[in-house]
Amino acid sequence: MAGDKSGNFRAMDEPKDSLPGELDEVSPVSAPPAIAPGADPGFALTRLSPFEERVQKIFFSQDGLRPIWRLVLYFLMYRGLRFCLFVFLAYGLSDALFLWRQTAAEFGLAIIAVAPALLLSRIEGRPFGCYGLPPGKAFGKLFWLGALWGMTSLTLLLLALRAAHAFYFGTLALHGGRALKFAVFWAGFFLIVAFYEEFFTRGYTQLTLTETVGFWPAAILLSLGFGALHLENPGESWVGILGAMVIGFFFCLTLRRTGSLWFAVGFHAAWDWGESYFYSVPDSGGMAPGHLMHSSLQGPGWLSGGSVGPEGSVFLFVLLLLLWLVFDRVYPEVKYPVGTSGH
């Protein structure tokens, strides 16, 4: 049945005055002039204009969005989340005690520094650990070595100031359980501070900027930014800001040679804990409540650091030079970045 119907249709469609097979000899219709013979017809419709090609080259490379724009995206997300955080602190925790509100602020800053990087790591198709804080190495050997280096370095600095009659230990201000309670509190607090500041200034930012300008130029720029963060501290001086920049540059060396930020996090946390709680001296211009001793700094500001603390002393720069030389000998191998053009 189907064959008979198709035969009838063919007979009805063919003009009566044409010969059998004549329709097969009709010449093919030529393609529109805008489409080259043999080309994909959709190509002409999707081809970019010269202006669009220039814009695409500005924002994209063969590997996707260019590193500088990924960095801009990171900072935009960070600033948006930071605004939300401080709105929450202002209206949601306005009645909380100062120390707990400050702890919540630092904890929130640590989260909003990491959250955009987690999202961008999915977009970039790389593990979060390549940004300097591999979770598998959290609080491992490098962290505790960094903490040892940090506490030892601060002790040597204060012993030098004591020998110069610029620092005095004083007597104990806390005893027993109260001393232990504040020791634990400040250890947790400064661990959060170190985690936030190290990742924000040497985590996603360091790797992404390294892909654009190289490791050491990126380290210089971000160390300047690390010093700028301390402008928010009351009582800070230009010497203290410079000291923070140099410390940040040393932390970049530790990242370069260990391949991880965990050493710097341990060093940073131990240094801040030692200053603010254990040795009870000003830290970046601020004096923490609940400190262990009634210690004091005396003499000219360039020597003792004055209200800034030991980070404002010229002895700090001598210490950092020695730290750089020793660390360079102990950790000679370059381990960061891995798999990028920044070697």
C-alpha atoms as a PDB file:
ATOM      1  CA  MET A   1       0.000   0.000   0.000  1.00  0.00           C
ATOM      2  CA  ALA A   2       2.724   2.501   0.896  1.00  0.00           C
ATOM      3  CA  GLY A   3       4.604   1.877  -2.382  1.00  0.00           C
ATOM      4  CA  ASP A   4       1.526   2.587  -4.520  1.00  0.00           C
ATOM      5  CA  LYS A   5       0.820   5.884  -2.721  1.00  0.00           C
ATOM      6  CA  SER A   6       4.346   7.172  -3.172  1.00  0.00           C
ATOM      7  CA  GLY A   7       4.239   6.316  -6.866  1.00  0.00           C
ATOM      8  CA  ASN A   8       1.030   8.313  -7.331  1.00  0.00           C
ATOM      9  CA  PHE A   9       2.548  11.325  -5.572  1.00  0.00           C
ATOM     10  CA  ARG A  10       5.568  11.318  -7.890  1.00  0.00           C
ATOM     11  CA  ALA A  11       3.347  11.189 -10.950  1.00  0.00           C
ATOM     12  CA  MET A  12       1.233  14.102  -9.743  1.00  0.00           C
ATOM     13  CA  ASP A  13       4.290  16.275  -8.836  1.00  0.00           C
ATOM     14  CA  GLU A  14       6.095  15.914 -12.178  1.00  0.00           C
ATOM     15  CA  PRO A  15       4.967  18.480 -14.830  1.00  0.00           C
ATOM     16  CA  LYS A  16       3.207  16.924 -17.786  1.00  0.00           C
ATOM     17  CA  ASP A  17       5.382  18.639 -20.411  1.00  0.00           C
ATOM     18  CA  SER A  18       8.688  17.420 -18.949  1.00  0.00           C
ATOM     19  CA  LEU A  19      10.503  14.342 -20.021  1.00  0.00           C
ATOM     20  CA  PRO A  20      11.293  11.593 -17.587  1.00  0.00           C
ATOM     21  CA  GLY A  21      14.466  12.450 -15.632  1.00  0.00           C
ATOM     22  CA  GLU A  22      14.567  16.058 -16.851  1.00  0.00           C
ATOM     23  CA  LEU A  23      14.123  17.506 -13.344  1.00  0.00           C
ATOM     24  CA  ASP A  24      17.290  15.729 -12.179  1.00  0.00           C
ATOM     25  CA  GLU A  25      19.364  17.885 -14.521  1.00  0.00           C
ATOM     26  CA  VAL A  26      18.428  21.240 -12.911  1.00  0.00           C
ATOM     27  CA  SER A  27      21.640  23.095 -11.743  1.00  0.00           C
ATOM     28  CA  PRO A  28      22.100  23.402  -7.951  1.00  0.00           C
ATOM     29  CA  VAL A  29      21.290  26.672  -6.213  1.00  0.00           C
ATOM     30  CA  SER A  30      24.477  28.621  -5.394  1.00  0.00           C
ATOM     31  CA  ALA A  31      25.281  29.453  -1.757  1.00  0.00           C
ATOM     32  CA  PRO A  32      24.785  33.023  -0.509  1.00  0.00           C
ATOM     33  CA  PRO A  33      27.916  35.109  -1.181  1.00  0.00           C
ATOM     34  CA  ALA A  34      28.450  35.753   2.542  1.00  0.00           C
ATOM     35  CA  ILE A  35      29.184  32.071   3.118  1.00  0.00           C
ATOM     36  CA  ALA A  36      32.246  30.557   1.502  1.00  0.00           C
ATOM     37  CA  PRO A  37      31.753  27.216  -0.306  1.00  0.00           C
ATOM     38  CA  GLY A  38      32.416  24.353   2.048  1.00  0.00           C
ATOM     39  CA  ALA A  39      32.294  26.564   5.219  1.00  0.00           C
ATOM     40  CA  ASP A  40      30.012  26.015   8.178  1.00  0.00           C
ATOM     41  CA  PRO A  41      26.885  28.146   7.513  1.00  0.00           C
ATOM     42  CA  GLY A  42      26.831  29.160  11.195  1.00  0.00           C
ATOM     43  CA  PHE A  43      30.372  30.548  11.098  1.00  0.00           C
ATOM     44  CA  ALA A  44      29.462  33.849   9.465  1.00  0.00           C
ATOM     45  CA  LEU A  45      26.733  34.402  12.023  1.00  0.00           C
ATOM     46  CA  THR A  46      29.026  33.794  15.053  1.00  0.00           C
ATOM     47  CA  ARG A  47      32.253  35.392  13.818  1.00  0.00           C
ATOM     48  CA  LEU A  48      33.368  38.270  16.046  1.00  0.00           C
ATOM     49  CA  SER A  49      33.794  41.785  14.762  1.00  0.00           C
ATOM     50  CA  PRO A  50      37.266  43.399  15.079  1.00  0.00           C
ATOM     51  CA  PHE A  51      36.057  45.394  18.092  1.00  0.00           C
ATOM     52  CA  GLU A  52      34.672  42.288  19.794  1.00  0.00           C
ATOM     53  CA  GLU A  53      37.946  40.448  19.151  1.00  0.00           C
ATOM     54  CA  ARG A  54      39.917  43.250  20.819  1.00  0.00           C
ATOM     55  CA  VAL A  55      37.604  43.181  23.851  1.00  0.00           C
ATOM     56  CA  GLN A  56      37.895  39.409  24.063  1.00  0.00           C
ATOM     57  CA  LYS A  57      41.706  39.617  24.030  1.00  0.00           C
ATOM     58  CA  ILE A  58      41.604  42.134  26.879  1.00  0.00           C
ATOM     59  CA  PHE A  59      39.563  39.874  29.136  1.00  0.00           C
ATOM     60  CA  PHE A  60      40.374  36.343  27.962  1.00  0.00           C
ATOM     61  CA  SER A  61      43.392  34.249  27.001  1.00  0.00           C
ATOM     62  CA  GLN A  62      43.617  30.667  25.784  1.00  0.00           C
ATOM     63  CA  ASP A  63      43.307  29.547  29.429  1.00  0.00           C
ATOM     64  CA  GLY A  64      40.125  31.525  30.074  1.00  0.00           C
ATOM     65  CA  LEU A  65      39.640  34.744  32.035  1.00  0.00           C
ATOM     66  CA  ARG A  66      42.970  36.534  32.438  1.00  0.00           C
ATOM     67  CA  PRO A  67      44.543  36.436  35.937  1.00  0.00           C
ATOM     68  CA  ILE A  68      44.257  40.184  36.511  1.00  0.00           C
ATOM     69  CA  TRP A  69      40.483  40.064  35.962  1.00  0.00           C
ATOM     70  CA  ARG A  70      40.179  37.014  38.210  1.00  0.00           C
ATOM     71  CA  LEU A  71      41.953  39.054  40.873  1.00  0.00           C
ATOM     72  CA  VAL A  72      39.551  41.956  40.328  1.00  0.00           C
ATOM     73  CA  LEU A  73      36.634  39.532  40.634  1.00  0.00           C
ATOM     74  CA  TYR A  74      38.087  38.171  43.883  1.00  0.00           C
ATOM     75  CA  PHE A  75      38.397  41.656  45.394  1.00  0.00           C
ATOM     76  CA  LEU A  76      34.876  42.627  44.295  1.00  0.00           C
ATOM     77  CA  MET A  77      33.403  39.555  45.981  1.00  0.00           C
ATOM     78  CA  TYR A  78      35.534  40.180  49.062  1.00  0.00           C
ATOM     79  CA  ARG A  79      34.418  43.804  49.364  1.00  0.00           C
ATOM     80  CA  GLY A  80      30.768  42.868  48.956  1.00  0.00           C
ATOM     81  CA  LEU A  81      30.996  40.191  51.643  1.00  0.00           C
ATOM     82  CA  ARG A  82      32.983  42.527  53.915  1.00  0.00           C
ATOM     83  CA  PHE A  83      30.204  45.111  53.698  1.00  0.00           C
ATOM     84  CA  CYS A  84      27.636  42.468  54.672  1.00  0.00           C
ATOM     85  CA  LEU A  85      29.844  41.336  57.560  1.00  0.00           C
ATOM     86  CA  PHE A  86      30.132  44.794  59.083  1.00  0.00           C
ATOM     87  CA  VAL A  87      26.403  45.418  58.704  1.00  0.00           C
ATOM     88  CA  PHE A  88      25.854  42.195  60.642  1.00  0.00           C
ATOM     89  CA  LEU A  89      28.359  43.199  63.323  1.00  0.00           C
ATOM     90  CA  ALA A  90      26.846  46.669  63.664  1.00  0.00           C
ATOM     91  CA  TYR A  91      23.222  45.506  64.003  1.00  0.00           C
ATOM     92  CA  GLY A  92      23.432  41.854  65.010  1.00  0.00           C
ATOM     93  CA  LEU A  93      26.210  41.953  67.603  1.00  0.00           C
ATOM     94  CA  SER A  94      25.987  45.519  68.815  1.00  0.00           C
ATOM     95  CA  ASP A  95      25.400  44.415  72.418  1.00  0.00           C
ATOM     96  CA  ALA A  96      28.202  41.825  72.519  1.00  0.00           C
ATOM     97  CA  LEU A  97      31.309  42.391  74.600  1.00  0.00           C
ATOM     98  CA  PHE A  98      34.191  44.061  72.758  1.00  0.00           C
ATOM     99  CA  LEU A  99      36.514  41.025  72.744  1.00  0.00           C
ATOM    100  CA  TRP A 100      33.822  38.677  71.453  1.00  0.00           C
ATOM    101  CA  ARG A 101      32.708  41.170  68.799  1.00  0.00           C
ATOM    102  CA  GLN A 102      36.335  41.597  67.713  1.00  0.00           C
ATOM    103  CA  THR A 103      36.770  37.822  67.562  1.00  0.00           C
ATOM    104  CA  ALA A 104      33.613  37.493  65.469  1.00  0.00           C
ATOM    105  CA  ALA A 105      34.923  40.200  63.127  1.00  0.00           C
ATOM    106  CA  GLU A 106      38.259  38.424  62.594  1.00  0.00           C
ATOM    107  CA  PHE A 107      36.529  35.074  62.113  1.00  0.00           C
ATOM    108  CA  GLY A 108      34.174  36.627  59.578  1.00  0.00           C
ATOM    109  CA  LEU A 109      37.072  38.239  57.709  1.00  0.00           C
ATOM    110  CA  ALA A 110      38.807  34.858  57.497  1.00  0.00           C
ATOM    111  CA  ILE A 111      35.661  33.307  56.003  1.00  0.00           C
ATOM    112  CA  ILE A 112      35.108  36.046  53.429  1.00  0.00           C
ATOM    113  CA  ALA A 113      38.770  35.885  52.369  1.00  0.00           C
ATOM    114  CA  VAL A 114      38.445  32.150  51.695  1.00  0.00           C
ATOM    115  CA  ALA A 115      34.906  31.974  50.244  1.00  0.00           C
ATOM    116  CA  PRO A 116      35.613  33.780  46.916  1.00  0.00           C
ATOM    117  CA  ALA A 117      38.750  31.674  46.448  1.00  0.00           C
ATOM    118  CA  LEU A 118      36.737  28.472  46.906  1.00  0.00           C
ATOM    119  CA  LEU A 119      34.320  29.602  44.197  1.00  0.00           C
ATOM    120  CA  LEU A 120      37.096  30.680  41.840  1.00  0.00           C
ATOM    121  CA  SER A 121      38.968  27.430  42.385  1.00  0.00           C
ATOM    122  CA  ARG A 122      35.927  25.600  40.959  1.00  0.00           C
ATOM    123  CA  ILE A 123      35.802  27.984  37.994  1.00  0.00           C
ATOM    124  CA  GLU A 124      39.558  27.654  37.374  1.00  0.00           C
ATOM    125  CA  GLY A 125      39.483  23.881  37.821  1.00  0.00           C
ATOM    126  CA  ARG A 126      42.252  23.677  40.406  1.00  0.00           C
ATOM    127  CA  PRO A 127      42.399  22.480  44.014  1.00  0.00           C
ATOM    128  CA  PHE A 128      42.044  25.018  46.808  1.00  0.00           C
ATOM    129  CA  GLY A 129      45.386  23.901  48.254  1.00  0.00           C
ATOM    130  CA  CYS A 130      47.316  25.446  45.366  1.00  0.00           C
ATOM    131  CA  TYR A 131      46.561  28.852  46.918  1.00  0.00           C
ATOM    132  CA  GLY A 132      49.001  28.121  49.742  1.00  0.00           C
ATOM    133  CA  LEU A 133      46.893  26.453  52.431  1.00  0.00           C
ATOM    134  CA  PRO A 134      46.493  22.761  51.521  1.00  0.00           C
ATOM    135  CA  PRO A 135      43.942  21.374  54.032  1.00  0.00           C
ATOM    136  CA  GLY A 136      45.859  18.098  54.348  1.00  0.00           C
ATOM    137  CA  LYS A 137      48.826  19.967  55.874  1.00  0.00           C
ATOM    138  CA  ALA A 138      46.809  22.052  58.329  1.00  0.00           C
ATOM    139  CA  PHE A 139      48.554  22.340  61.707  1.00  0.00           C
ATOM    140  CA  GLY A 140      51.256  19.943  60.572  1.00  0.00           C
ATOM    141  CA  LYS A 141      55.026  20.138  60.854  1.00  0.00           C
ATOM    142  CA  LEU A 142      55.397  23.439  58.988  1.00  0.00           C
ATOM    143  CA  PHE A 143      52.850  25.174  61.195  1.00  0.00           C
ATOM    144  CA  TRP A 144      54.603  24.185  64.418  1.00  0.00           C
ATOM    145  CA  LEU A 145      58.030  24.992  63.006  1.00  0.00           C
ATOM    146  CA  GLY A 146      56.704  28.419  62.066  1.00  0.00           C
ATOM    147  CA  ALA A 147      55.319  28.898  65.570  1.00  0.00           C
ATOM    148  CA  LEU A 148      58.720  27.966  67.042  1.00  0.00           C
ATOM    149  CA  TRP A 149      60.534  30.382  64.719  1.00  0.00           C
ATOM    150  CA  GLY A 150      58.045  33.142  65.544  1.00  0.00           C
ATOM    151  CA  MET A 151      58.265  32.815  69.324  1.00  0.00           C
ATOM    152  CA  THR A 152      62.051  32.412  69.256  1.00  0.00           C
ATOM    153  CA  SER A 153      62.501  35.445  66.995  1.00  0.00           C
ATOM    154  CA  LEU A 154      60.350  37.659  69.211  1.00  0.00           C
ATOM    155  CA  THR A 155      62.234  36.479  72.318  1.00  0.00           C
ATOM    156  CA  LEU A 156      65.580  37.339  70.703  1.00  0.00           C
ATOM    157  CA  LEU A 157      64.274  40.787  69.757  1.00  0.00           C
ATOM    158  CA  LEU A 158      63.085  41.523  73.281  1.00  0.00           C
ATOM    159  CA  LEU A 159      66.315  40.211  74.819  1.00  0.00           C
ATOM    160  CA  ALA A 160      68.223  42.609  72.554  1.00  0.00           C
ATOM    161  CA  LEU A 161      65.976  45.462  73.709  1.00  0.00           C
ATOM    162  CA  ARG A 162      66.509  44.396  77.325  1.00  0.00           C
ATOM    163  CA  ALA A 163      70.281  44.459  76.811  1.00  0.00           C
ATOM    164  CA  ALA A 164      69.886  47.998  75.429  1.00  0.00           C
ATOM    165  CA  HIS A 165      67.838  48.942  78.535  1.00  0.00           C
ATOM    166  CA  ALA A 166      64.780  49.595  76.368  1.00  0.00           C
ATOM    167  CA  PHE A 167      62.594  46.739  77.662  1.00  0.00           C
ATOM    168  CA  TYR A 168      61.775  45.464  81.143  1.00  0.00           C
ATOM    169  CA  PHE A 169      59.800  42.293  81.888  1.00  0.00           C
ATOM    170  CA  GLY A 170      58.122  43.556  85.066  1.00  0.00           C
ATOM    171  CA  THR A 171      55.952  41.382  87.302  1.00  0.00           C
ATOM    172  CA  LEU A 172      53.088  38.980  86.584  1.00  0.00           C
ATOM    173  CA  ALA A 173      49.690  40.559  86.035  1.00  0.00           C
ATOM    174  CA  LEU A 174      47.692  37.299  85.853  1.00  0.00           C
ATOM    175  CA  HIS A 175      47.858  34.106  87.892  1.00  0.00           C
ATOM    176  CA  GLY A 176      46.380  30.613  87.902  1.00  0.00           C
ATOM    177  CA  GLY A 177      43.250  29.845  85.958  1.00  0.00           C
ATOM    178  CA  ARG A 178      42.783  33.424  84.766  1.00  0.00           C
ATOM    179  CA  ALA A 179      46.239  33.393  83.162  1.00  0.00           C
ATOM    180  CA  LEU A 180      45.445  30.080  81.447  1.00  0.00           C
ATOM    181  CA  LYS A 181      42.038  31.318  80.253  1.00  0.00           C
ATOM    182  CA  PHE A 182      43.508  34.378  78.552  1.00  0.00           C
ATOM    183  CA  ALA A 183      46.417  32.365  77.157  1.00  0.00           C
ATOM    184  CA  VAL A 184      43.979  30.038  75.373  1.00  0.00           C
ATOM    185  CA  PHE A 185      41.700  32.870  74.256  1.00  0.00           C
ATOM    186  CA  TRP A 186      44.504  34.924  72.712  1.00  0.00           C
ATOM    187  CA  ALA A 187      46.024  31.837  71.085  1.00  0.00           C
ATOM    188  CA  GLY A 188      42.731  31.166  69.279  1.00  0.00           C
ATOM    189  CA  PHE A 189      42.227  34.820  68.441  1.00  0.00           C
ATOM    190  CA  PHE A 190      45.658  35.328  66.898  1.00  0.00           C
ATOM    191  CA  LEU A 191      45.422  32.046  65.016  1.00  0.00           C
ATOM    192  CA  ILE A 192      42.333  33.439  63.276  1.00  0.00           C
ATOM    193  CA  VAL A 193      44.100  36.761  62.624  1.00  0.00           C
ATOM    194  CA  ALA A 194      47.141  35.003  61.149  1.00  0.00           C
ATOM    195  CA  PHE A 195      44.995  32.751  58.959  1.00  0.00           C
ATOM    196  CA  TYR A 196      43.030  35.695  57.599  1.00  0.00           C
ATOM    197  CA  GLU A 197      45.933  38.061  56.969  1.00  0.00           C
ATOM    198  CA  GLU A 198      48.203  35.408  55.444  1.00  0.00           C
ATOM    199  CA  PHE A 199      45.587  34.055  53.061  1.00  0.00           C
ATOM    200  CA  PHE A 200      44.238  37.454  52.084  1.00  0.00           C
ATOM    201  CA  THR A 201      47.668  38.902  51.263  1.00  0.00           C
ATOM    202  CA  ARG A 202      49.582  35.780  50.188  1.00  0.00           C
ATOM    203  CA  GLY A 203      46.985  33.154  49.263  1.00  0.00           C
ATOM    204  CA  TYR A 204      44.744  33.501  46.219  1.00  0.00           C
ATOM    205  CA  THR A 205      46.123  36.977  45.615  1.00  0.00           C
ATOM    206  CA  GLN A 206      49.764  35.853  45.508  1.00  0.00           C
ATOM    207  CA  LEU A 207      49.233  32.982  43.077  1.00  0.00           C
ATOM    208  CA  THR A 208      46.974  34.933  40.730  1.00  0.00           C
ATOM    209  CA  LEU A 209      49.199  38.006  40.652  1.00  0.00           C
ATOM    210  CA  THR A 210      52.250  35.762  40.160  1.00  0.00           C
ATOM    211  CA  GLU A 211      50.695  34.489  36.933  1.00  0.00           C
ATOM    212  CA  THR A 212      50.581  38.089  35.713  1.00  0.00           C
ATOM    213  CA  VAL A 213      53.831  39.738  36.860  1.00  0.00           C
ATOM    214  CA  GLY A 214      55.940  36.958  38.426  1.00  0.00           C
ATOM    215  CA  PHE A 215      56.476  35.895  42.031  1.00  0.00           C
ATOM    216  CA  TRP A 216      58.754  38.604  43.446  1.00  0.00           C
ATOM    217  CA  PRO A 217      57.000  41.612  41.872  1.00  0.00           C
ATOM    218  CA  ALA A 218      53.742  40.172  43.219  1.00  0.00           C
ATOM    219  CA  ALA A 219      55.395  39.684  46.626  1.00  0.00           C
ATOM    220  CA  ILE A 220      56.482  43.336  46.715  1.00  0.00           C
ATOM    221  CA  LEU A 221      53.029  44.625  45.795  1.00  0.00           C
ATOM    222  CA  LEU A 222      51.239  42.406  48.302  1.00  0.00           C
ATOM    223  CA  SER A 223      53.737  43.198  51.071  1.00  0.00           C
ATOM    224  CA  LEU A 224      52.906  46.859  50.531  1.00  0.00           C
ATOM    225  CA  GLY A 225      49.257  45.871  50.873  1.00  0.00           C
ATOM    226  CA  PHE A 226      50.036  43.926  54.050  1.00  0.00           C
ATOM    227  CA  GLY A 227      51.589  47.042  55.523  1.00  0.00           C
ATOM    228  CA  ALA A 228      48.571  49.083  54.428  1.00  0.00           C
ATOM    229  CA  LEU A 229      46.282  46.770  56.416  1.00  0.00           C
ATOM    230  CA  HIS A 230      48.032  48.001  59.560  1.00  0.00           C
ATOM    231  CA  LEU A 231      47.001  51.591  58.832  1.00  0.00           C
ATOM    232  CA  GLU A 232      43.685  50.674  60.469  1.00  0.00           C
ATOM    233  CA  ASN A 233      45.463  50.043  63.795  1.00  0.00           C
ATOM    234  CA  PRO A 234      45.305  52.956  66.258  1.00  0.00           C
ATOM    235  CA  GLY A 235      48.701  54.122  67.459  1.00  0.00           C
ATOM    236  CA  GLU A 236      50.577  52.760  64.429  1.00  0.00           C
ATOM    237  CA  SER A 237      53.515  54.768  63.006  1.00  0.00           C
ATOM    238  CA  TRP A 238      55.263  54.898  59.653  1.00  0.00           C
ATOM    239  CA  VAL A 239      58.137  52.843  61.104  1.00  0.00           C
ATOM    240  CA  GLY A 240      55.645  50.213  62.236  1.00  0.00           C
ATOM    241  CA  ILE A 241      54.018  50.185  58.782  1.00  0.00           C
ATOM    242  CA  LEU A 242      57.438  49.735  57.166  1.00  0.00           C
ATOM    243  CA  GLY A 243      58.219  46.955  59.635  1.00  0.00           C
ATOM    244  CA  ALA A 244      54.967  45.177  58.742  1.00  0.00           C
ATOM    245  CA  MET A 245      55.852  45.422  55.036  1.00  0.00           C
ATOM    246  CA  VAL A 246      59.285  43.872  55.613  1.00  0.00           C
ATOM    247  CA  ILE A 247      57.789  41.112  57.770  1.00  0.00           C
ATOM    248  CA  GLY A 248      55.279  40.435  54.980  1.00  0.00           C
ATOM    249  CA  PHE A 249      58.122  40.194  52.464  1.00  0.00           C
ATOM    250  CA  PHE A 250      59.867  37.652  54.714  1.00  0.00           C
ATOM    251  CA  PHE A 251      56.634  35.636  54.837  1.00  0.00           C
ATOM    252  CA  CYS A 252      56.694  35.602  51.027  1.00  0.00           C
ATOM    253  CA  LEU A 253      60.124  33.975  51.214  1.00  0.00           C
ATOM    254  CA  THR A 254      58.761  31.288  53.545  1.00  0.00           C
ATOM    255  CA  LEU A 255      55.966  30.609  51.046  1.00  0.00           C
ATOM    256  CA  ARG A 256      58.458  30.438  48.180  1.00  0.00           C
ATOM    257  CA  ARG A 257      60.723  27.952  49.951  1.00  0.00           C
ATOM    258  CA  THR A 258      58.199  25.740  51.787  1.00  0.00           C
ATOM    259  CA  GLY A 259      55.461  25.753  49.125  1.00  0.00           C
ATOM    260  CA  SER A 260      52.887  26.488  51.830  1.00  0.00           C
ATOM    261  CA  LEU A 261      51.520  29.328  53.954  1.00  0.00           C
ATOM    262  CA  TRP A 262      51.278  27.125  57.047  1.00  0.00           C
ATOM    263  CA  PHE A 263      54.790  28.110  58.181  1.00  0.00           C
ATOM    264  CA  ALA A 264      53.864  31.800  57.925  1.00  0.00           C
ATOM    265  CA  VAL A 265      50.543  31.234  59.710  1.00  0.00           C
ATOM    266  CA  GLY A 266      52.339  29.550  62.622  1.00  0.00           C
ATOM    267  CA  PHE A 267      55.031  32.253  62.776  1.00  0.00           C
ATOM    268  CA  HIS A 268      52.474  35.064  62.553  1.00  0.00           C
ATOM    269  CA  ALA A 269      50.168  33.617  65.219  1.00  0.00           C
ATOM    270  CA  ALA A 270      53.019  32.892  67.661  1.00  0.00           C
ATOM    271  CA  TRP A 271      54.570  36.349  67.152  1.00  0.00           C
ATOM    272  CA  ASP A 272      51.277  38.159  67.811  1.00  0.00           C
ATOM    273  CA  TRP A 273      50.463  35.927  70.806  1.00  0.00           C
ATOM    274  CA  GLY A 274      53.920  36.493  72.272  1.00  0.00           C
ATOM    275  CA  GLU A 275      53.707  40.261  71.848  1.00  0.00           C
ATOM    276  CA  SER A 276      50.155  40.820  73.041  1.00  0.00           C
ATOM    277  CA  TYR A 277      49.802  38.200  75.771  1.00  0.00           C
ATOM    278  CA  PHE A 278      53.026  36.521  76.877  1.00  0.00           C
ATOM    279  CA  TYR A 279      55.482  39.444  76.840  1.00  0.00           C
ATOM    280  CA  SER A 280      52.658  41.986  77.173  1.00  0.00           C
ATOM    281  CA  VAL A 281      54.000  44.706  74.864  1.00  0.00           C
ATOM    282  CA  PRO A 282      52.103  46.816  72.316  1.00  0.00           C
ATOM    283  CA  ASP A 283      51.359  45.042  69.044  1.00  0.00           C
ATOM    284  CA  SER A 284      51.037  47.323  66.004  1.00  0.00           C
ATOM    285  CA  GLY A 285      50.157  50.227  68.271  1.00  0.00           C
ATOM    286  CA  GLY A 286      47.581  48.416  70.403  1.00  0.00           C
ATOM    287  CA  MET A 287      47.728  46.979  73.919  1.00  0.00           C
ATOM    288  CA  ALA A 288      45.621  43.869  74.488  1.00  0.00           C
ATOM    289  CA  PRO A 289      43.602  43.456  77.685  1.00  0.00           C
ATOM    290  CA  GLY A 290      44.221  40.313  79.691  1.00  0.00           C
ATOM    291  CA  HIS A 291      48.013  40.247  79.199  1.00  0.00           C
ATOM    292  CA  LEU A 292      50.324  38.195  81.377  1.00  0.00           C
ATOM    293  CA  MET A 293      52.904  40.709  82.667  1.00  0.00           C
ATOM    294  CA  HIS A 294      53.407  44.333  83.671  1.00  0.00           C
ATOM    295  CA  SER A 295      56.221  44.821  81.168  1.00  0.00           C
ATOM    296  CA  SER A 296      57.380  48.179  79.837  1.00  0.00           C
ATOM    297  CA  LEU A 297      59.306  49.782  76.978  1.00  0.00           C
ATOM    298  CA  GLN A 298      61.586  52.736  77.711  1.00  0.00           C
ATOM    299  CA  GLY A 299      63.988  54.995  75.881  1.00  0.00           C
ATOM    300  CA  PRO A 300      63.769  56.707  72.488  1.00  0.00           C
ATOM    301  CA  GLY A 301      61.062  55.509  70.117  1.00  0.00           C
ATOM    302  CA  TRP A 302      63.482  54.516  67.354  1.00  0.00           C
ATOM    303  CA  LEU A 303      65.065  52.045  69.784  1.00  0.00           C
ATOM    304  CA  SER A 304      62.184  50.741  71.902  1.00  0.00           C
ATOM    305  CA  GLY A 305      59.417  51.183  69.349  1.00  0.00           C
ATOM    306  CA  GLY A 306      57.475  53.405  71.726  1.00  0.00           C
ATOM    307  CA  SER A 307      53.691  53.109  71.577  1.00  0.00           C
ATOM    308  CA  VAL A 308      53.968  50.954  68.423  1.00  0.00           C
ATOM    309  CA  GLY A 309      55.820  48.202  70.291  1.00  0.00           C
ATOM    310  CA  PRO A 310      58.873  46.194  69.218  1.00  0.00           C
ATOM    311  CA  GLU A 311      57.714  46.305  65.580  1.00  0.00           C
ATOM    312  CA  GLY A 312      58.626  50.006  65.602  1.00  0.00           C
ATOM    313  CA  SER A 313      62.213  49.420  66.751  1.00  0.00           C
ATOM    314  CA  VAL A 314      65.213  49.559  64.427  1.00  0.00           C
ATOM    315  CA  PHE A 315      66.263  46.251  65.991  1.00  0.00           C
ATOM    316  CA  LEU A 316      63.368  44.631  64.113  1.00  0.00           C
ATOM    317  CA  PHE A 317      65.024  45.272  60.749  1.00  0.00           C
ATOM    318  CA  VAL A 318      68.304  43.757  61.965  1.00  0.00           C
ATOM    319  CA  LEU A 319      66.376  40.701  63.171  1.00  0.00           C
ATOM    320  CA  LEU A 320      64.542  40.321  59.856  1.00  0.00           C
ATOM    321  CA  LEU A 321      67.804  40.491  57.919  1.00  0.00           C
ATOM    322  CA  LEU A 322      69.205  37.680  60.079  1.00  0.00           C
ATOM    323  CA  LEU A 323      66.003  35.669  59.701  1.00  0.00           C
ATOM    324  CA  TRP A 324      66.174  36.013  55.913  1.00  0.00           C
ATOM    325  CA  LEU A 325      69.788  34.808  55.800  1.00  0.00           C
ATOM    326  CA  VAL A 326      69.168  31.839  58.105  1.00  0.00           C
ATOM    327  CA  PHE A 327      65.928  30.802  56.400  1.00  0.00           C
ATOM    328  CA  ASP A 328      67.606  31.033  52.995  1.00  0.00           C
ATOM    329  CA  ARG A 329      70.244  28.544  54.176  1.00  0.00           C
ATOM    330  CA  VAL A 330      67.840  26.162  55.921  1.00  0.00           C
ATOM    331  CA  TYR A 331      65.290  26.099  53.078  1.00  0.00           C
ATOM    332  CA  PRO A 332      67.274  26.576  49.829  1.00  0.00           C
ATOM    333  CA  GLU A 333      64.844  24.828  47.441  1.00  0.00           C
ATOM    334  CA  VAL A 334      62.141  26.759  45.576  1.00  0.00           C
ATOM    335  CA  LYS A 335      58.787  24.968  45.970  1.00  0.00           C
ATOM    336  CA  TYR A 336      56.261  27.632  44.997  1.00  0.00           C
ATOM    337  CA  PRO A 337      54.457  28.188  42.720  1.00  0.00           C
ATOM    338  CA  VAL A 338      53.831  24.734  41.270  1.00  0.00           C
ATOM    339  CA  GLY A 339      52.563  24.331  37.709  1.00  0.00           C
ATOM    340  CA  THR A 340      52.515  28.053  36.861  1.00  0.00           C
ATOM    341  CA  SER A 341      54.720  30.381  34.886  1.00  0.00           C
ATOM    342  CA  GLY A 342      56.034  32.004  38.037  1.00  0.00           C
ATOM    343  CA  HIS A 343      58.979  29.658  38.687  1.00  0.00           C
END
